[in-house]
N, C-alpha and C. Protein backbone atom coordinates (compact mmCIF):
# COMPACT_ATOMS: atom_id res chain seq x y z
N MET A 1 -41.47 -19.12 83.10
CA MET A 1 -40.67 -17.93 82.95
C MET A 1 -41.40 -17.04 81.93
N ALA A 2 -41.58 -15.85 82.25
CA ALA A 2 -42.25 -14.89 81.28
C ALA A 2 -41.35 -14.61 80.10
N SER A 3 -41.94 -14.55 78.93
CA SER A 3 -41.11 -14.23 77.75
C SER A 3 -40.90 -12.73 77.68
N LEU A 4 -39.72 -12.36 77.30
CA LEU A 4 -39.35 -10.97 77.12
C LEU A 4 -39.27 -10.67 75.70
N ALA A 5 -39.81 -9.57 75.20
CA ALA A 5 -39.70 -9.17 73.84
C ALA A 5 -38.34 -8.52 73.65
N THR A 6 -37.56 -9.10 72.74
CA THR A 6 -36.20 -8.61 72.55
C THR A 6 -36.14 -7.14 72.19
N ALA A 7 -37.03 -6.66 71.34
CA ALA A 7 -37.01 -5.25 70.96
C ALA A 7 -37.21 -4.33 72.21
N GLU A 8 -38.15 -4.71 73.00
CA GLU A 8 -38.42 -3.93 74.25
C GLU A 8 -37.24 -3.98 75.22
N VAL A 9 -36.64 -5.15 75.33
CA VAL A 9 -35.43 -5.28 76.20
C VAL A 9 -34.33 -4.33 75.70
N CYS A 10 -34.10 -4.33 74.44
CA CYS A 10 -33.05 -3.44 73.85
C CYS A 10 -33.39 -2.00 74.07
N ASP A 11 -34.68 -1.63 73.84
CA ASP A 11 -35.09 -0.27 74.04
C ASP A 11 -34.94 0.24 75.47
N SER A 12 -35.26 -0.65 76.48
CA SER A 12 -35.24 -0.19 77.81
C SER A 12 -33.88 -0.40 78.47
N ASN A 13 -32.90 -0.98 77.76
CA ASN A 13 -31.63 -1.23 78.37
C ASN A 13 -30.49 -0.76 77.54
N ALA A 14 -30.62 0.45 76.97
CA ALA A 14 -29.58 1.03 76.04
C ALA A 14 -28.21 1.10 76.73
N SER A 15 -28.18 1.39 78.00
CA SER A 15 -26.85 1.53 78.72
C SER A 15 -26.23 0.13 78.91
N VAL A 16 -27.08 -0.87 79.10
CA VAL A 16 -26.54 -2.23 79.24
C VAL A 16 -26.06 -2.76 77.93
N VAL A 17 -26.72 -2.38 76.84
CA VAL A 17 -26.22 -2.77 75.51
C VAL A 17 -24.90 -2.08 75.26
N ALA A 18 -24.82 -0.78 75.55
CA ALA A 18 -23.60 -0.02 75.39
C ALA A 18 -22.36 -0.63 76.17
N SER A 19 -22.69 -1.15 77.39
CA SER A 19 -21.62 -1.74 78.21
C SER A 19 -21.21 -3.15 77.76
N GLY A 20 -22.00 -3.77 76.93
CA GLY A 20 -21.66 -5.12 76.46
C GLY A 20 -22.26 -6.22 77.29
N ASP A 21 -22.92 -5.87 78.37
CA ASP A 21 -23.61 -6.89 79.23
C ASP A 21 -24.85 -7.45 78.55
N LEU A 22 -25.36 -6.76 77.54
CA LEU A 22 -26.48 -7.23 76.75
C LEU A 22 -26.01 -7.11 75.30
N ARG A 23 -26.06 -8.22 74.54
CA ARG A 23 -25.57 -8.25 73.16
C ARG A 23 -26.56 -8.75 72.21
N VAL A 24 -26.60 -8.18 71.03
CA VAL A 24 -27.54 -8.59 69.99
C VAL A 24 -26.76 -9.38 68.97
N LEU A 25 -27.25 -10.57 68.71
CA LEU A 25 -26.62 -11.40 67.64
C LEU A 25 -26.98 -10.86 66.26
N HIS A 26 -26.04 -10.98 65.32
CA HIS A 26 -26.35 -10.54 63.95
C HIS A 26 -27.56 -11.32 63.45
N PRO A 27 -28.38 -10.67 62.62
CA PRO A 27 -29.65 -11.34 62.12
C PRO A 27 -29.36 -12.28 60.99
N VAL A 28 -28.80 -13.42 61.29
CA VAL A 28 -28.40 -14.43 60.32
C VAL A 28 -29.22 -15.71 60.36
N PHE A 29 -30.05 -15.82 61.38
CA PHE A 29 -30.69 -17.14 61.61
C PHE A 29 -32.06 -17.32 61.02
N GLN A 30 -32.37 -18.51 60.62
CA GLN A 30 -33.72 -18.93 60.19
C GLN A 30 -34.43 -19.44 61.47
N ILE A 31 -35.72 -19.32 61.50
CA ILE A 31 -36.52 -19.79 62.63
C ILE A 31 -37.15 -21.16 62.36
N TYR A 32 -36.90 -22.10 63.27
CA TYR A 32 -37.47 -23.43 63.13
C TYR A 32 -38.06 -23.85 64.49
N GLY A 33 -38.80 -24.96 64.48
CA GLY A 33 -39.39 -25.48 65.76
C GLY A 33 -40.70 -24.78 66.06
N GLN A 34 -41.47 -25.39 66.95
CA GLN A 34 -42.80 -24.85 67.29
C GLN A 34 -42.72 -23.60 68.15
N LYS A 35 -41.65 -23.49 68.98
CA LYS A 35 -41.54 -22.32 69.84
C LYS A 35 -40.83 -21.21 69.15
N LYS A 36 -41.52 -20.18 68.76
CA LYS A 36 -40.93 -19.04 68.12
C LYS A 36 -40.19 -18.15 69.11
N THR A 37 -40.60 -18.22 70.37
CA THR A 37 -40.00 -17.44 71.45
C THR A 37 -39.48 -18.41 72.47
N PHE A 38 -38.24 -18.25 72.86
CA PHE A 38 -37.67 -19.12 73.94
C PHE A 38 -36.51 -18.39 74.61
N SER A 39 -36.18 -18.83 75.79
CA SER A 39 -35.10 -18.25 76.52
C SER A 39 -34.60 -19.24 77.60
N GLY A 40 -33.42 -18.97 78.10
CA GLY A 40 -32.86 -19.79 79.16
C GLY A 40 -31.36 -19.61 79.30
N PRO A 41 -30.81 -20.23 80.35
CA PRO A 41 -29.36 -20.17 80.51
C PRO A 41 -28.66 -20.95 79.40
N VAL A 42 -27.50 -20.47 78.98
CA VAL A 42 -26.80 -20.98 77.86
C VAL A 42 -25.85 -22.13 78.25
N VAL A 43 -25.81 -23.13 77.40
CA VAL A 43 -24.77 -24.19 77.42
C VAL A 43 -24.09 -24.13 76.06
N THR A 44 -22.77 -24.07 76.05
CA THR A 44 -22.09 -23.91 74.79
C THR A 44 -21.33 -25.18 74.37
N VAL A 45 -21.19 -25.34 73.06
CA VAL A 45 -20.42 -26.42 72.53
C VAL A 45 -19.80 -25.85 71.19
N LYS A 46 -18.53 -26.16 70.94
CA LYS A 46 -17.81 -25.75 69.74
C LYS A 46 -17.40 -27.00 69.01
N VAL A 47 -17.92 -27.15 67.78
CA VAL A 47 -17.66 -28.29 66.94
C VAL A 47 -17.51 -27.85 65.50
N PHE A 48 -17.01 -28.71 64.63
CA PHE A 48 -16.91 -28.35 63.19
C PHE A 48 -17.28 -29.63 62.40
N GLU A 49 -18.45 -29.59 61.82
CA GLU A 49 -18.96 -30.71 60.96
C GLU A 49 -18.92 -32.05 61.66
N ASP A 50 -19.15 -32.02 62.98
CA ASP A 50 -19.14 -33.24 63.82
C ASP A 50 -20.13 -32.99 64.95
N ASN A 51 -21.14 -33.85 65.12
CA ASN A 51 -22.17 -33.54 66.09
C ASN A 51 -22.22 -34.49 67.30
N VAL A 52 -21.17 -35.28 67.54
CA VAL A 52 -21.20 -36.20 68.66
C VAL A 52 -21.35 -35.48 70.03
N LEU A 53 -20.61 -34.45 70.22
CA LEU A 53 -20.70 -33.70 71.51
C LEU A 53 -22.09 -32.99 71.61
N VAL A 54 -22.68 -32.60 70.50
CA VAL A 54 -23.99 -32.02 70.48
C VAL A 54 -25.00 -33.00 71.03
N ARG A 55 -24.96 -34.22 70.52
CA ARG A 55 -25.86 -35.29 71.02
C ARG A 55 -25.63 -35.57 72.48
N GLU A 56 -24.35 -35.63 72.89
CA GLU A 56 -24.00 -35.91 74.31
C GLU A 56 -24.72 -34.88 75.22
N LEU A 57 -24.64 -33.59 74.86
CA LEU A 57 -25.24 -32.58 75.68
C LEU A 57 -26.78 -32.67 75.68
N LEU A 58 -27.35 -32.94 74.47
CA LEU A 58 -28.78 -33.05 74.41
C LEU A 58 -29.34 -34.23 75.12
N GLU A 59 -28.53 -35.21 75.37
CA GLU A 59 -28.95 -36.39 76.11
C GLU A 59 -29.00 -36.11 77.64
N THR A 60 -28.49 -34.94 78.10
CA THR A 60 -28.55 -34.62 79.49
C THR A 60 -29.85 -33.78 79.72
N ARG A 61 -30.24 -33.67 80.98
CA ARG A 61 -31.45 -32.88 81.31
C ARG A 61 -31.25 -31.43 80.86
N GLY A 62 -32.19 -30.93 80.08
CA GLY A 62 -32.08 -29.56 79.59
C GLY A 62 -32.46 -28.52 80.65
N GLU A 63 -33.48 -28.84 81.46
CA GLU A 63 -33.91 -27.95 82.56
C GLU A 63 -34.13 -26.51 82.09
N GLY A 64 -34.70 -26.38 80.84
CA GLY A 64 -35.01 -25.06 80.30
C GLY A 64 -33.84 -24.29 79.72
N ARG A 65 -32.71 -24.96 79.59
CA ARG A 65 -31.55 -24.30 79.07
C ARG A 65 -31.59 -24.21 77.53
N VAL A 66 -30.69 -23.42 76.95
CA VAL A 66 -30.56 -23.27 75.54
C VAL A 66 -29.12 -23.72 75.08
N LEU A 67 -29.07 -24.65 74.18
CA LEU A 67 -27.82 -25.10 73.63
C LEU A 67 -27.36 -24.21 72.52
N VAL A 68 -26.16 -23.57 72.66
CA VAL A 68 -25.60 -22.76 71.59
C VAL A 68 -24.45 -23.54 70.98
N ILE A 69 -24.60 -23.88 69.73
CA ILE A 69 -23.63 -24.70 68.99
C ILE A 69 -22.85 -23.82 68.05
N ASP A 70 -21.58 -23.69 68.28
CA ASP A 70 -20.71 -22.96 67.32
C ASP A 70 -20.18 -24.05 66.33
N GLY A 71 -20.84 -24.11 65.23
CA GLY A 71 -20.35 -25.04 64.18
C GLY A 71 -19.49 -24.38 63.15
N GLY A 72 -18.89 -23.20 63.55
CA GLY A 72 -17.96 -22.54 62.66
C GLY A 72 -18.64 -21.90 61.45
N GLY A 73 -19.99 -21.85 61.43
CA GLY A 73 -20.71 -21.32 60.27
C GLY A 73 -20.71 -22.20 59.07
N SER A 74 -20.34 -23.46 59.20
CA SER A 74 -20.25 -24.32 58.05
C SER A 74 -21.68 -24.61 57.51
N LEU A 75 -21.78 -24.51 56.20
CA LEU A 75 -23.02 -24.83 55.50
C LEU A 75 -22.92 -26.15 54.77
N ARG A 76 -21.87 -26.92 55.03
CA ARG A 76 -21.60 -28.18 54.26
C ARG A 76 -22.29 -29.39 54.78
N CYS A 77 -22.80 -29.36 56.02
CA CYS A 77 -23.54 -30.48 56.57
C CYS A 77 -24.35 -30.03 57.76
N ALA A 78 -25.29 -30.86 58.24
CA ALA A 78 -26.16 -30.56 59.35
C ALA A 78 -25.57 -31.06 60.66
N LEU A 79 -25.76 -30.22 61.69
CA LEU A 79 -25.32 -30.58 63.06
C LEU A 79 -26.47 -31.10 63.92
N VAL A 80 -27.70 -30.78 63.54
CA VAL A 80 -28.90 -31.15 64.29
C VAL A 80 -29.94 -31.64 63.30
N GLY A 81 -30.54 -32.82 63.63
CA GLY A 81 -31.60 -33.34 62.77
C GLY A 81 -32.86 -33.59 63.65
N GLY A 82 -33.84 -34.17 63.03
CA GLY A 82 -35.10 -34.45 63.64
C GLY A 82 -34.97 -35.29 64.93
N ASN A 83 -34.13 -36.34 64.89
CA ASN A 83 -33.99 -37.16 66.12
C ASN A 83 -33.48 -36.33 67.29
N MET A 84 -32.50 -35.46 67.01
CA MET A 84 -31.90 -34.63 68.06
C MET A 84 -32.94 -33.55 68.53
N GLY A 85 -33.78 -33.07 67.61
CA GLY A 85 -34.81 -32.07 67.95
C GLY A 85 -35.81 -32.76 68.93
N GLN A 86 -36.16 -33.99 68.64
CA GLN A 86 -37.08 -34.67 69.53
C GLN A 86 -36.41 -35.01 70.88
N LEU A 87 -35.18 -35.38 70.82
CA LEU A 87 -34.42 -35.62 72.03
C LEU A 87 -34.35 -34.37 72.90
N ALA A 88 -34.10 -33.22 72.28
CA ALA A 88 -34.03 -31.97 73.03
C ALA A 88 -35.37 -31.64 73.71
N GLN A 89 -36.42 -31.87 72.95
CA GLN A 89 -37.78 -31.66 73.55
C GLN A 89 -38.01 -32.61 74.71
N ASN A 90 -37.72 -33.88 74.55
CA ASN A 90 -37.97 -34.89 75.56
C ASN A 90 -37.13 -34.62 76.83
N MET A 91 -35.96 -34.07 76.64
CA MET A 91 -35.05 -33.83 77.77
C MET A 91 -35.23 -32.47 78.40
N GLY A 92 -36.18 -31.66 77.89
CA GLY A 92 -36.48 -30.41 78.57
C GLY A 92 -35.61 -29.22 78.18
N TRP A 93 -35.02 -29.23 77.04
CA TRP A 93 -34.26 -28.05 76.51
C TRP A 93 -35.24 -27.02 76.01
N ALA A 94 -34.97 -25.74 76.25
CA ALA A 94 -35.86 -24.67 75.71
C ALA A 94 -35.61 -24.42 74.28
N GLY A 95 -34.37 -24.52 73.88
CA GLY A 95 -34.03 -24.23 72.45
C GLY A 95 -32.61 -24.57 72.09
N ILE A 96 -32.35 -24.44 70.79
CA ILE A 96 -31.03 -24.70 70.24
C ILE A 96 -30.72 -23.55 69.21
N VAL A 97 -29.53 -23.00 69.31
CA VAL A 97 -29.08 -22.03 68.32
C VAL A 97 -27.85 -22.64 67.67
N VAL A 98 -27.89 -22.76 66.33
CA VAL A 98 -26.86 -23.46 65.57
C VAL A 98 -26.17 -22.48 64.64
N ASN A 99 -24.86 -22.28 64.87
CA ASN A 99 -24.04 -21.49 63.93
C ASN A 99 -23.58 -22.52 62.86
N GLY A 100 -24.56 -22.91 62.12
CA GLY A 100 -24.38 -23.99 61.09
C GLY A 100 -25.77 -24.39 60.64
N CYS A 101 -25.87 -25.65 60.12
CA CYS A 101 -27.06 -26.14 59.50
C CYS A 101 -27.82 -27.15 60.37
N ILE A 102 -29.12 -27.34 60.04
CA ILE A 102 -29.89 -28.42 60.56
C ILE A 102 -30.43 -29.18 59.37
N ARG A 103 -31.06 -30.34 59.63
CA ARG A 103 -31.76 -31.07 58.56
C ARG A 103 -33.03 -31.65 59.15
N ASP A 104 -33.79 -32.37 58.38
CA ASP A 104 -35.09 -32.85 58.81
C ASP A 104 -36.02 -31.73 59.32
N VAL A 105 -36.04 -30.66 58.51
CA VAL A 105 -36.78 -29.45 58.89
C VAL A 105 -38.21 -29.74 59.27
N ASP A 106 -38.92 -30.55 58.56
CA ASP A 106 -40.33 -30.82 58.86
C ASP A 106 -40.46 -31.48 60.21
N GLU A 107 -39.53 -32.38 60.58
CA GLU A 107 -39.56 -33.01 61.85
C GLU A 107 -39.18 -32.03 62.96
N ILE A 108 -38.19 -31.18 62.75
CA ILE A 108 -37.83 -30.18 63.75
C ILE A 108 -38.99 -29.22 63.95
N ASN A 109 -39.65 -28.93 62.90
CA ASN A 109 -40.82 -27.97 63.03
C ASN A 109 -41.95 -28.53 63.83
N GLU A 110 -42.01 -29.84 64.04
CA GLU A 110 -43.00 -30.53 64.85
C GLU A 110 -42.56 -30.53 66.34
N CYS A 111 -41.33 -30.27 66.66
CA CYS A 111 -40.85 -30.34 67.99
C CYS A 111 -41.24 -29.12 68.77
N GLY A 112 -41.55 -29.29 70.06
CA GLY A 112 -41.97 -28.21 70.92
C GLY A 112 -40.76 -27.48 71.56
N ILE A 113 -39.78 -27.16 70.74
CA ILE A 113 -38.68 -26.37 71.19
C ILE A 113 -38.46 -25.24 70.15
N GLY A 114 -37.59 -24.25 70.49
CA GLY A 114 -37.18 -23.24 69.53
C GLY A 114 -35.86 -23.60 68.93
N VAL A 115 -35.70 -23.42 67.62
CA VAL A 115 -34.45 -23.66 66.96
C VAL A 115 -34.12 -22.50 66.06
N ARG A 116 -32.87 -22.08 66.10
CA ARG A 116 -32.35 -21.08 65.18
C ARG A 116 -31.13 -21.71 64.51
N ALA A 117 -31.05 -21.56 63.16
CA ALA A 117 -29.88 -22.09 62.44
C ALA A 117 -29.72 -21.22 61.22
N LEU A 118 -28.49 -21.32 60.65
CA LEU A 118 -28.17 -20.49 59.45
C LEU A 118 -28.98 -21.00 58.25
N ALA A 119 -29.15 -22.31 58.12
CA ALA A 119 -29.83 -22.91 56.96
C ALA A 119 -30.09 -24.39 57.21
N SER A 120 -30.57 -25.06 56.17
CA SER A 120 -30.75 -26.48 56.26
C SER A 120 -29.90 -27.17 55.15
N ASN A 121 -29.46 -28.37 55.46
CA ASN A 121 -28.64 -29.13 54.53
C ASN A 121 -28.90 -30.61 54.77
N PRO A 122 -29.21 -31.40 53.79
CA PRO A 122 -29.61 -32.77 53.99
C PRO A 122 -28.43 -33.70 54.41
N LEU A 123 -27.18 -33.30 54.25
CA LEU A 123 -26.01 -34.12 54.53
C LEU A 123 -25.77 -34.15 56.09
N LYS A 124 -25.55 -35.40 56.58
CA LYS A 124 -25.26 -35.51 58.00
C LYS A 124 -23.83 -35.24 58.30
N SER A 125 -23.51 -34.93 59.54
CA SER A 125 -22.11 -34.61 59.94
C SER A 125 -21.33 -35.84 60.23
N SER A 126 -20.04 -35.70 60.44
CA SER A 126 -19.17 -36.75 60.81
C SER A 126 -19.39 -37.13 62.29
N LYS A 127 -18.78 -38.21 62.68
CA LYS A 127 -18.99 -38.69 64.09
C LYS A 127 -17.60 -39.03 64.67
N LYS A 128 -16.75 -38.03 64.83
CA LYS A 128 -15.37 -38.24 65.31
C LYS A 128 -15.20 -37.81 66.79
N ARG A 129 -16.25 -37.18 67.37
CA ARG A 129 -16.16 -36.67 68.72
C ARG A 129 -15.08 -35.59 68.93
N VAL A 130 -14.98 -34.71 67.96
CA VAL A 130 -14.02 -33.62 68.00
C VAL A 130 -14.76 -32.33 68.37
N GLY A 131 -14.20 -31.60 69.36
CA GLY A 131 -14.82 -30.35 69.73
C GLY A 131 -14.63 -30.09 71.22
N GLU A 132 -15.29 -29.04 71.73
CA GLU A 132 -15.18 -28.65 73.13
C GLU A 132 -16.54 -28.24 73.67
N LYS A 133 -16.80 -28.66 74.90
CA LYS A 133 -18.05 -28.27 75.59
C LYS A 133 -17.71 -27.17 76.61
N HIS A 134 -18.71 -26.34 76.87
CA HIS A 134 -18.62 -25.34 77.95
C HIS A 134 -17.49 -24.36 77.78
N VAL A 135 -17.24 -23.95 76.55
CA VAL A 135 -16.20 -23.00 76.27
C VAL A 135 -16.83 -21.75 75.63
N PRO A 136 -16.22 -20.59 75.78
CA PRO A 136 -16.76 -19.40 75.13
C PRO A 136 -16.80 -19.62 73.61
N VAL A 137 -17.87 -19.18 72.96
CA VAL A 137 -18.00 -19.35 71.50
C VAL A 137 -18.30 -17.98 70.86
N TYR A 138 -17.94 -17.82 69.65
CA TYR A 138 -18.20 -16.62 68.93
C TYR A 138 -19.19 -16.90 67.82
N VAL A 139 -20.44 -16.46 68.01
CA VAL A 139 -21.54 -16.75 67.10
C VAL A 139 -22.23 -15.48 66.72
N ALA A 140 -22.45 -15.34 65.42
CA ALA A 140 -23.19 -14.21 64.87
C ALA A 140 -22.68 -12.86 65.41
N GLY A 141 -21.35 -12.74 65.40
CA GLY A 141 -20.74 -11.45 65.84
C GLY A 141 -20.67 -11.19 67.30
N THR A 142 -20.95 -12.29 68.14
CA THR A 142 -21.11 -12.10 69.58
C THR A 142 -20.39 -13.22 70.28
N LEU A 143 -19.64 -12.85 71.32
CA LEU A 143 -19.03 -13.83 72.22
C LEU A 143 -20.06 -14.28 73.23
N ILE A 144 -20.27 -15.59 73.33
CA ILE A 144 -21.28 -16.13 74.23
C ILE A 144 -20.60 -17.14 75.18
N ARG A 145 -20.90 -17.00 76.43
CA ARG A 145 -20.28 -17.88 77.49
C ARG A 145 -21.31 -18.76 78.13
N ASP A 146 -20.88 -19.94 78.53
CA ASP A 146 -21.72 -20.85 79.30
C ASP A 146 -22.28 -20.08 80.49
N GLY A 147 -23.61 -20.26 80.78
CA GLY A 147 -24.21 -19.68 81.93
C GLY A 147 -24.84 -18.30 81.67
N GLU A 148 -24.57 -17.68 80.58
CA GLU A 148 -25.19 -16.41 80.23
C GLU A 148 -26.67 -16.78 79.83
N TRP A 149 -27.49 -15.74 79.60
CA TRP A 149 -28.89 -15.96 79.32
C TRP A 149 -29.18 -15.58 77.84
N LEU A 150 -29.85 -16.40 77.12
CA LEU A 150 -30.21 -16.12 75.72
C LEU A 150 -31.74 -15.96 75.65
N TYR A 151 -32.12 -14.95 74.88
CA TYR A 151 -33.57 -14.71 74.60
C TYR A 151 -33.72 -14.60 73.12
N ALA A 152 -34.72 -15.34 72.56
CA ALA A 152 -34.97 -15.36 71.10
C ALA A 152 -36.44 -15.14 70.88
N ASP A 153 -36.76 -14.34 69.87
CA ASP A 153 -38.16 -14.22 69.39
C ASP A 153 -38.10 -13.85 67.96
N SER A 154 -39.21 -13.49 67.36
CA SER A 154 -39.26 -13.18 65.95
C SER A 154 -38.38 -11.99 65.51
N ASP A 155 -38.06 -11.11 66.43
CA ASP A 155 -37.22 -9.95 66.14
C ASP A 155 -35.74 -10.27 66.14
N GLY A 156 -35.33 -11.33 66.85
CA GLY A 156 -33.92 -11.64 66.86
C GLY A 156 -33.52 -12.37 68.16
N VAL A 157 -32.20 -12.43 68.38
CA VAL A 157 -31.60 -13.21 69.46
C VAL A 157 -30.68 -12.23 70.20
N ILE A 158 -30.79 -12.19 71.56
CA ILE A 158 -29.97 -11.43 72.39
C ILE A 158 -29.41 -12.33 73.52
N VAL A 159 -28.29 -11.88 74.03
CA VAL A 159 -27.62 -12.59 75.13
C VAL A 159 -27.21 -11.57 76.17
N ALA A 160 -27.54 -12.00 77.44
CA ALA A 160 -27.27 -11.10 78.58
C ALA A 160 -26.36 -11.90 79.57
N LYS A 161 -25.55 -11.12 80.29
CA LYS A 161 -24.67 -11.77 81.28
C LYS A 161 -25.45 -12.45 82.36
N THR A 162 -26.64 -11.94 82.71
CA THR A 162 -27.46 -12.49 83.80
C THR A 162 -28.91 -12.57 83.30
N GLU A 163 -29.72 -13.21 84.05
CA GLU A 163 -31.17 -13.30 83.71
C GLU A 163 -31.84 -11.92 83.79
N LEU A 164 -32.60 -11.62 82.78
CA LEU A 164 -33.29 -10.32 82.74
C LEU A 164 -34.64 -10.50 83.38
N SER A 165 -35.17 -9.36 83.99
CA SER A 165 -36.50 -9.38 84.55
C SER A 165 -37.47 -8.71 83.65
N VAL A 166 -38.74 -9.03 83.78
CA VAL A 166 -39.81 -8.44 82.93
C VAL A 166 -39.99 -7.00 83.30
C-alpha cells in the first residue's frame, strides 16, 4: 500500500474534511516504533487501565490493520508494552494508536510497527478483562469507528470513512 502524506491529503480534500468524512486527530501523540508512517483499516477497543482485550485483539491476525485503543486518556498505567509490540509485529498489524500510555519504550522502538501514544508510564495495567471491542471510540477529539481507515505520519494522524487513493 502506498503511503499517503497526511498534509497533502488534507490539502487536496478540503471538502471531505469539511463534510467530516476525513477527520484530523488532535496533535497529542508521541511517535514510537520503527514505522513512522503507517496506515490501514481500523479495529477499535475501549478499555480503562486494563489491557486484556488489547492483547486478545493483538493475538489475532493483523492483516495490515491498525488497532485504536481508547484508554480514556489515562496516564496512570501502560496499556501496551514491549511484548505486545512484538506480538503486533509478528501478527502483521500495521500500527497501534493508544489514547493512553505505553511502556518498554526501547523495546517498542525496536518493533517494525508504528505506535502513537500519549506518553509512557512504567506501571502495568490491571487484568480484569473489562472493556468493549469493535465499538465507536472518541480519541483525540475524533469519533473513530471500526472499519474506517487511519493514516499516520510525522505530521499527524487522520481518519477517513473509506480507503483513500494516492
